[in-house]
Amino acid sequence: MPQRKNENKNRQLGFTMMELLIVIVILGLLMSIVAPKFFNKLGTAERGVAAAQMSSFETAIDTYRLDLGKYPSKLEDLRASQDARWDGPYLPKDIPLDPWGNEYIYKASGENGSPYTILSYGADGKPGGIDNAADVVH
């Protein structure tokens, strides 16, 4: 019996090299499945952030119009203006860049009869595009 105790004492605890390799391969396979879906969701989140920021611009623009009786000529008018009826700032902070690091585009005369248009050109920073590079328009 005492000899058997020594055998158990000498046995090493832990993983063998083969077990570690199998675990690494399994993790690699899982990542190859999960990573594309994760990065696709990241693009969707960026588009959501752009839409939310544009919604806050719309609220500020509408408040500006109520105070001054006209729409601003540029987004920067929401932060500072020389007009006597100006009661701003209408945005709490400076105008942020879109989630891709580009400036938002504001057109005082909107498309399809709307008084203004706010848009972001998406990830590529160019008009048009598909998926994450598609324009976000409000």
N, C-alpha and C. Protein backbone atom coordinates (compact mmCIF):
# COMPACT_ATOMS: atom_id res chain seq x y z
N MET A 1 0.79 -1.20 0.00
CA MET A 1 0.00 0.00 0.00
C MET A 1 0.84 1.27 0.00
N PRO A 2 1.86 1.40 0.78
CA PRO A 2 2.63 2.62 0.80
C PRO A 2 3.19 2.96 -0.57
N GLN A 3 3.48 1.99 -1.38
CA GLN A 3 4.03 2.25 -2.69
C GLN A 3 3.01 2.97 -3.59
N ARG A 4 1.75 2.64 -3.44
CA ARG A 4 0.70 3.25 -4.24
C ARG A 4 0.57 4.74 -3.89
N LYS A 5 0.73 5.12 -2.65
CA LYS A 5 0.65 6.52 -2.26
C LYS A 5 1.75 7.32 -2.94
N ASN A 6 2.92 6.77 -3.07
CA ASN A 6 4.02 7.47 -3.73
C ASN A 6 3.73 7.70 -5.21
N GLU A 7 3.07 6.72 -5.85
CA GLU A 7 2.72 6.88 -7.26
C GLU A 7 1.77 8.07 -7.45
N ASN A 8 0.78 8.21 -6.59
CA ASN A 8 -0.17 9.32 -6.68
C ASN A 8 0.50 10.66 -6.39
N LYS A 9 1.47 10.64 -5.49
CA LYS A 9 2.19 11.87 -5.14
C LYS A 9 3.01 12.39 -6.30
N ASN A 10 3.61 11.50 -7.08
CA ASN A 10 4.47 11.88 -8.17
C ASN A 10 3.70 12.29 -9.42
N ARG A 11 2.44 11.95 -9.47
CA ARG A 11 1.63 12.29 -10.65
C ARG A 11 1.44 13.80 -10.69
N GLN A 12 1.69 14.41 -11.83
CA GLN A 12 1.58 15.87 -11.96
C GLN A 12 0.14 16.26 -12.23
N LEU A 13 -0.24 17.36 -11.60
CA LEU A 13 -1.56 17.90 -11.85
C LEU A 13 -1.45 18.94 -12.94
N GLY A 14 -2.48 19.08 -13.77
CA GLY A 14 -2.47 20.08 -14.83
C GLY A 14 -2.82 19.45 -16.15
N PHE A 15 -2.69 20.24 -17.21
CA PHE A 15 -3.05 19.79 -18.55
C PHE A 15 -1.82 19.32 -19.31
N THR A 16 -2.04 18.37 -20.19
CA THR A 16 -0.96 17.96 -21.07
C THR A 16 -0.92 18.92 -22.25
N MET A 17 0.13 18.85 -23.02
CA MET A 17 0.26 19.71 -24.19
C MET A 17 -0.87 19.44 -25.19
N MET A 18 -1.25 18.20 -25.35
CA MET A 18 -2.32 17.83 -26.28
C MET A 18 -3.65 18.44 -25.82
N GLU A 19 -3.94 18.38 -24.55
CA GLU A 19 -5.19 18.96 -24.04
C GLU A 19 -5.21 20.47 -24.27
N LEU A 20 -4.08 21.14 -24.06
CA LEU A 20 -4.01 22.58 -24.30
C LEU A 20 -4.23 22.91 -25.77
N LEU A 21 -3.63 22.14 -26.67
CA LEU A 21 -3.82 22.37 -28.10
C LEU A 21 -5.28 22.18 -28.51
N ILE A 22 -5.92 21.19 -27.97
CA ILE A 22 -7.34 20.96 -28.28
C ILE A 22 -8.18 22.14 -27.82
N VAL A 23 -7.92 22.64 -26.63
CA VAL A 23 -8.67 23.79 -26.11
C VAL A 23 -8.43 25.03 -26.99
N ILE A 24 -7.20 25.25 -27.41
CA ILE A 24 -6.89 26.41 -28.27
C ILE A 24 -7.61 26.29 -29.61
N VAL A 25 -7.65 25.10 -30.18
CA VAL A 25 -8.35 24.90 -31.46
C VAL A 25 -9.84 25.16 -31.29
N ILE A 26 -10.43 24.67 -30.22
CA ILE A 26 -11.86 24.89 -29.97
C ILE A 26 -12.15 26.37 -29.79
N LEU A 27 -11.31 27.08 -29.05
CA LEU A 27 -11.49 28.52 -28.87
C LEU A 27 -11.37 29.27 -30.20
N GLY A 28 -10.43 28.86 -31.02
CA GLY A 28 -10.26 29.47 -32.34
C GLY A 28 -11.49 29.27 -33.22
N LEU A 29 -12.05 28.08 -33.19
CA LEU A 29 -13.27 27.81 -33.97
C LEU A 29 -14.44 28.65 -33.46
N LEU A 30 -14.59 28.75 -32.17
CA LEU A 30 -15.67 29.57 -31.61
C LEU A 30 -15.51 31.04 -31.99
N MET A 31 -14.28 31.54 -31.94
CA MET A 31 -14.04 32.94 -32.30
C MET A 31 -14.33 33.20 -33.78
N SER A 32 -14.03 32.22 -34.63
CA SER A 32 -14.30 32.41 -36.06
C SER A 32 -15.80 32.47 -36.33
N ILE A 33 -16.59 31.92 -35.46
CA ILE A 33 -18.05 31.98 -35.61
C ILE A 33 -18.59 33.25 -34.97
N VAL A 34 -18.10 33.61 -33.81
CA VAL A 34 -18.64 34.74 -33.04
C VAL A 34 -18.14 36.09 -33.54
N ALA A 35 -16.89 36.21 -33.92
CA ALA A 35 -16.30 37.51 -34.28
C ALA A 35 -17.03 38.22 -35.41
N PRO A 36 -17.37 37.56 -36.53
CA PRO A 36 -18.08 38.29 -37.59
C PRO A 36 -19.43 38.85 -37.12
N LYS A 37 -20.14 38.09 -36.32
CA LYS A 37 -21.43 38.59 -35.82
C LYS A 37 -21.22 39.76 -34.87
N PHE A 38 -20.18 39.71 -34.06
CA PHE A 38 -19.89 40.80 -33.13
C PHE A 38 -19.57 42.08 -33.89
N PHE A 39 -18.72 42.00 -34.91
CA PHE A 39 -18.34 43.20 -35.65
C PHE A 39 -19.49 43.74 -36.48
N ASN A 40 -20.40 42.88 -36.92
CA ASN A 40 -21.59 43.34 -37.62
C ASN A 40 -22.47 44.15 -36.66
N LYS A 41 -22.58 43.71 -35.42
CA LYS A 41 -23.37 44.44 -34.42
C LYS A 41 -22.71 45.78 -34.08
N LEU A 42 -21.39 45.84 -34.14
CA LEU A 42 -20.68 47.09 -33.88
C LEU A 42 -21.08 48.14 -34.91
N GLY A 43 -21.17 47.76 -36.18
CA GLY A 43 -21.59 48.67 -37.23
C GLY A 43 -23.02 49.14 -37.02
N THR A 44 -23.89 48.24 -36.59
CA THR A 44 -25.27 48.60 -36.30
C THR A 44 -25.33 49.59 -35.13
N ALA A 45 -24.50 49.40 -34.14
CA ALA A 45 -24.47 50.30 -32.99
C ALA A 45 -24.02 51.70 -33.41
N GLU A 46 -23.02 51.78 -34.29
CA GLU A 46 -22.55 53.09 -34.76
C GLU A 46 -23.66 53.83 -35.50
N ARG A 47 -24.42 53.11 -36.31
CA ARG A 47 -25.53 53.73 -37.03
C ARG A 47 -26.59 54.21 -36.04
N GLY A 48 -26.81 53.46 -34.98
CA GLY A 48 -27.77 53.86 -33.95
C GLY A 48 -27.32 55.12 -33.21
N VAL A 49 -26.02 55.21 -32.93
CA VAL A 49 -25.47 56.40 -32.27
C VAL A 49 -25.65 57.62 -33.17
N ALA A 50 -25.38 57.47 -34.46
CA ALA A 50 -25.54 58.58 -35.40
C ALA A 50 -27.00 59.03 -35.44
N ALA A 51 -27.92 58.10 -35.48
CA ALA A 51 -29.35 58.44 -35.51
C ALA A 51 -29.77 59.15 -34.23
N ALA A 52 -29.26 58.70 -33.09
CA ALA A 52 -29.60 59.34 -31.81
C ALA A 52 -29.06 60.76 -31.74
N GLN A 53 -27.83 60.96 -32.20
CA GLN A 53 -27.26 62.31 -32.20
C GLN A 53 -28.05 63.23 -33.12
N MET A 54 -28.45 62.71 -34.28
CA MET A 54 -29.23 63.52 -35.21
C MET A 54 -30.60 63.88 -34.63
N SER A 55 -31.17 62.98 -33.86
CA SER A 55 -32.45 63.28 -33.20
C SER A 55 -32.29 64.43 -32.21
N SER A 56 -31.17 64.46 -31.48
CA SER A 56 -30.95 65.57 -30.55
C SER A 56 -30.73 66.88 -31.32
N PHE A 57 -30.10 66.80 -32.50
CA PHE A 57 -29.96 67.99 -33.34
C PHE A 57 -31.33 68.49 -33.78
N GLU A 58 -32.22 67.56 -34.15
CA GLU A 58 -33.55 67.95 -34.60
C GLU A 58 -34.31 68.68 -33.49
N THR A 59 -34.21 68.19 -32.28
CA THR A 59 -34.88 68.86 -31.15
C THR A 59 -34.33 70.26 -30.97
N ALA A 60 -33.02 70.41 -31.03
CA ALA A 60 -32.39 71.72 -30.88
C ALA A 60 -32.77 72.65 -32.02
N ILE A 61 -32.82 72.12 -33.23
CA ILE A 61 -33.19 72.94 -34.40
C ILE A 61 -34.64 73.42 -34.27
N ASP A 62 -35.53 72.53 -33.84
CA ASP A 62 -36.93 72.92 -33.68
C ASP A 62 -37.10 73.97 -32.58
N THR A 63 -36.34 73.86 -31.50
CA THR A 63 -36.38 74.87 -30.44
C THR A 63 -35.84 76.21 -30.95
N TYR A 64 -34.77 76.17 -31.72
CA TYR A 64 -34.20 77.36 -32.34
C TYR A 64 -35.26 78.05 -33.20
N ARG A 65 -35.97 77.27 -34.00
CA ARG A 65 -37.00 77.82 -34.87
C ARG A 65 -38.13 78.47 -34.06
N LEU A 66 -38.52 77.84 -32.97
CA LEU A 66 -39.56 78.43 -32.12
C LEU A 66 -39.13 79.78 -31.56
N ASP A 67 -37.86 79.90 -31.18
CA ASP A 67 -37.37 81.16 -30.60
C ASP A 67 -37.13 82.24 -31.66
N LEU A 68 -36.57 81.87 -32.80
CA LEU A 68 -36.15 82.87 -33.79
C LEU A 68 -37.08 82.98 -34.99
N GLY A 69 -37.99 82.03 -35.16
CA GLY A 69 -38.91 82.08 -36.29
C GLY A 69 -38.32 81.60 -37.59
N LYS A 70 -37.14 81.03 -37.56
CA LYS A 70 -36.49 80.51 -38.76
C LYS A 70 -35.57 79.37 -38.35
N TYR A 71 -35.18 78.59 -39.34
CA TYR A 71 -34.24 77.51 -39.08
C TYR A 71 -32.81 78.05 -39.15
N PRO A 72 -31.88 77.43 -38.42
CA PRO A 72 -30.48 77.91 -38.49
C PRO A 72 -29.90 77.66 -39.87
N SER A 73 -28.95 78.48 -40.25
CA SER A 73 -28.29 78.28 -41.55
C SER A 73 -27.21 77.21 -41.47
N LYS A 74 -26.69 76.97 -40.26
CA LYS A 74 -25.69 75.92 -40.04
C LYS A 74 -25.83 75.40 -38.61
N LEU A 75 -25.32 74.21 -38.36
CA LEU A 75 -25.45 73.61 -37.03
C LEU A 75 -24.77 74.44 -35.95
N GLU A 76 -23.71 75.12 -36.29
CA GLU A 76 -22.98 75.92 -35.31
C GLU A 76 -23.84 77.04 -34.73
N ASP A 77 -24.91 77.45 -35.45
CA ASP A 77 -25.82 78.48 -34.94
C ASP A 77 -26.56 78.00 -33.69
N LEU A 78 -26.58 76.71 -33.47
CA LEU A 78 -27.24 76.17 -32.27
C LEU A 78 -26.42 76.44 -31.01
N ARG A 79 -25.14 76.72 -31.17
CA ARG A 79 -24.24 76.97 -30.04
C ARG A 79 -24.00 78.45 -29.79
N ALA A 80 -24.04 79.28 -30.86
CA ALA A 80 -23.78 80.71 -30.71
C ALA A 80 -24.41 81.46 -31.88
N SER A 81 -24.95 82.64 -31.58
CA SER A 81 -25.55 83.46 -32.64
C SER A 81 -25.56 84.91 -32.20
N GLN A 82 -25.58 85.81 -33.18
CA GLN A 82 -25.64 87.25 -32.90
C GLN A 82 -27.09 87.76 -32.93
N ASP A 83 -28.04 86.92 -33.26
CA ASP A 83 -29.44 87.33 -33.35
C ASP A 83 -29.96 87.74 -31.97
N ALA A 84 -30.72 88.85 -31.92
CA ALA A 84 -31.21 89.40 -30.65
C ALA A 84 -32.18 88.45 -29.94
N ARG A 85 -32.93 87.66 -30.69
CA ARG A 85 -33.91 86.75 -30.07
C ARG A 85 -33.31 85.39 -29.71
N TRP A 86 -32.05 85.21 -30.00
CA TRP A 86 -31.41 83.93 -29.72
C TRP A 86 -31.42 83.67 -28.22
N ASP A 87 -31.86 82.49 -27.80
CA ASP A 87 -31.97 82.15 -26.38
C ASP A 87 -31.23 80.84 -26.09
N GLY A 88 -30.11 80.66 -26.73
CA GLY A 88 -29.37 79.40 -26.61
C GLY A 88 -28.30 79.46 -25.55
N PRO A 89 -27.43 78.54 -25.52
CA PRO A 89 -27.20 77.52 -26.55
C PRO A 89 -28.28 76.43 -26.54
N TYR A 90 -28.55 75.91 -27.72
CA TYR A 90 -29.58 74.89 -27.89
C TYR A 90 -29.02 73.48 -27.80
N LEU A 91 -27.73 73.37 -27.79
CA LEU A 91 -27.05 72.09 -27.54
C LEU A 91 -26.13 72.28 -26.34
N PRO A 92 -26.08 71.32 -25.42
CA PRO A 92 -25.27 71.48 -24.21
C PRO A 92 -23.76 71.46 -24.46
N LYS A 93 -23.34 70.83 -25.55
CA LYS A 93 -21.91 70.72 -25.86
C LYS A 93 -21.69 71.07 -27.33
N ASP A 94 -20.42 71.20 -27.72
CA ASP A 94 -20.11 71.44 -29.12
C ASP A 94 -20.66 70.31 -29.99
N ILE A 95 -20.83 70.61 -31.24
CA ILE A 95 -21.38 69.62 -32.17
C ILE A 95 -20.37 68.49 -32.33
N PRO A 96 -20.80 67.26 -31.99
CA PRO A 96 -19.84 66.13 -32.08
C PRO A 96 -19.64 65.68 -33.52
N LEU A 97 -18.60 64.94 -33.71
CA LEU A 97 -18.39 64.25 -34.99
C LEU A 97 -19.27 63.01 -35.01
N ASP A 98 -19.55 62.50 -36.18
CA ASP A 98 -20.32 61.27 -36.24
C ASP A 98 -19.47 60.11 -35.70
N PRO A 99 -20.05 58.93 -35.49
CA PRO A 99 -19.29 57.82 -34.91
C PRO A 99 -18.07 57.39 -35.71
N TRP A 100 -17.97 57.82 -36.96
CA TRP A 100 -16.83 57.45 -37.81
C TRP A 100 -15.81 58.57 -37.89
N GLY A 101 -16.00 59.65 -37.11
CA GLY A 101 -15.04 60.74 -37.06
C GLY A 101 -15.21 61.80 -38.12
N ASN A 102 -16.36 61.83 -38.78
CA ASN A 102 -16.63 62.83 -39.82
C ASN A 102 -17.66 63.84 -39.30
N GLU A 103 -17.69 65.00 -39.92
CA GLU A 103 -18.68 66.00 -39.53
C GLU A 103 -20.05 65.63 -40.09
N TYR A 104 -21.10 65.98 -39.33
CA TYR A 104 -22.46 65.81 -39.83
C TYR A 104 -22.71 66.87 -40.91
N ILE A 105 -23.52 66.53 -41.89
CA ILE A 105 -23.87 67.47 -42.94
C ILE A 105 -25.27 67.99 -42.65
N TYR A 106 -25.41 69.31 -42.63
CA TYR A 106 -26.69 69.97 -42.39
C TYR A 106 -27.02 70.80 -43.62
N LYS A 107 -28.18 70.56 -44.19
CA LYS A 107 -28.64 71.33 -45.34
C LYS A 107 -29.87 72.11 -44.90
N ALA A 108 -29.76 73.45 -44.93
CA ALA A 108 -30.85 74.30 -44.46
C ALA A 108 -32.10 74.15 -45.32
N SER A 109 -31.95 73.88 -46.58
CA SER A 109 -33.12 73.58 -47.41
C SER A 109 -33.13 72.08 -47.63
N GLY A 110 -34.07 71.42 -46.99
CA GLY A 110 -34.09 69.96 -47.00
C GLY A 110 -34.56 69.37 -48.31
N GLU A 111 -34.53 68.07 -48.37
CA GLU A 111 -34.97 67.34 -49.55
C GLU A 111 -36.42 66.93 -49.38
N ASN A 112 -37.11 66.76 -50.49
CA ASN A 112 -38.51 66.30 -50.50
C ASN A 112 -39.42 67.21 -49.69
N GLY A 113 -39.18 68.51 -49.73
CA GLY A 113 -40.07 69.47 -49.08
C GLY A 113 -39.82 69.67 -47.59
N SER A 114 -38.89 68.97 -46.99
CA SER A 114 -38.61 69.17 -45.57
C SER A 114 -37.78 70.45 -45.39
N PRO A 115 -37.91 71.13 -44.25
CA PRO A 115 -37.20 72.39 -44.06
C PRO A 115 -35.68 72.24 -43.93
N TYR A 116 -35.21 71.07 -43.55
CA TYR A 116 -33.77 70.84 -43.41
C TYR A 116 -33.49 69.35 -43.49
N THR A 117 -32.24 69.01 -43.71
CA THR A 117 -31.79 67.61 -43.73
C THR A 117 -30.50 67.52 -42.94
N ILE A 118 -30.39 66.48 -42.11
CA ILE A 118 -29.15 66.18 -41.39
C ILE A 118 -28.72 64.80 -41.85
N LEU A 119 -27.45 64.65 -42.18
CA LEU A 119 -27.00 63.32 -42.60
C LEU A 119 -25.55 63.07 -42.25
N SER A 120 -25.24 61.78 -42.24
CA SER A 120 -23.86 61.31 -42.08
C SER A 120 -23.61 60.37 -43.24
N TYR A 121 -22.43 60.45 -43.83
CA TYR A 121 -22.12 59.60 -44.97
C TYR A 121 -21.68 58.19 -44.57
N GLY A 122 -21.72 57.86 -43.30
CA GLY A 122 -21.38 56.50 -42.87
C GLY A 122 -19.89 56.28 -42.74
N ALA A 123 -19.51 55.03 -42.69
CA ALA A 123 -18.13 54.65 -42.40
C ALA A 123 -17.14 55.12 -43.46
N ASP A 124 -17.56 55.17 -44.72
CA ASP A 124 -16.62 55.56 -45.78
C ASP A 124 -16.53 57.07 -45.96
N GLY A 125 -17.43 57.84 -45.36
CA GLY A 125 -17.39 59.30 -45.45
C GLY A 125 -17.74 59.83 -46.83
N LYS A 126 -18.35 58.99 -47.68
CA LYS A 126 -18.70 59.38 -49.04
C LYS A 126 -20.20 59.16 -49.25
N PRO A 127 -20.83 59.96 -50.11
CA PRO A 127 -22.25 59.75 -50.39
C PRO A 127 -22.52 58.35 -50.92
N GLY A 128 -23.68 57.83 -50.57
CA GLY A 128 -24.07 56.49 -51.01
C GLY A 128 -23.44 55.43 -50.14
N GLY A 129 -23.31 54.27 -50.67
CA GLY A 129 -22.69 53.16 -49.94
C GLY A 129 -23.72 52.15 -49.47
N ILE A 130 -23.22 51.03 -49.01
CA ILE A 130 -24.09 49.96 -48.50
C ILE A 130 -23.58 49.52 -47.13
N ASP A 131 -24.44 48.83 -46.42
CA ASP A 131 -24.14 48.31 -45.08
C ASP A 131 -23.64 49.43 -44.16
N ASN A 132 -22.46 49.28 -43.58
CA ASN A 132 -21.93 50.26 -42.63
C ASN A 132 -21.52 51.56 -43.30
N ALA A 133 -21.33 51.53 -44.62
CA ALA A 133 -20.95 52.73 -45.36
C ALA A 133 -22.16 53.50 -45.89
N ALA A 134 -23.35 52.99 -45.66
CA ALA A 134 -24.56 53.66 -46.14
C ALA A 134 -24.80 54.96 -45.39
N ASP A 135 -25.42 55.92 -46.08
CA ASP A 135 -25.73 57.21 -45.47
C ASP A 135 -26.80 57.03 -44.39
N VAL A 136 -26.67 57.83 -43.32
CA VAL A 136 -27.69 57.89 -42.28
C VAL A 136 -28.34 59.25 -42.43
N VAL A 137 -29.63 59.29 -42.72
CA VAL A 137 -30.31 60.55 -43.03
C VAL A 137 -31.45 60.77 -42.05
N HIS A 138 -31.57 62.02 -41.59
CA HIS A 138 -32.69 62.45 -40.74
C HIS A 138 -33.24 63.72 -41.31
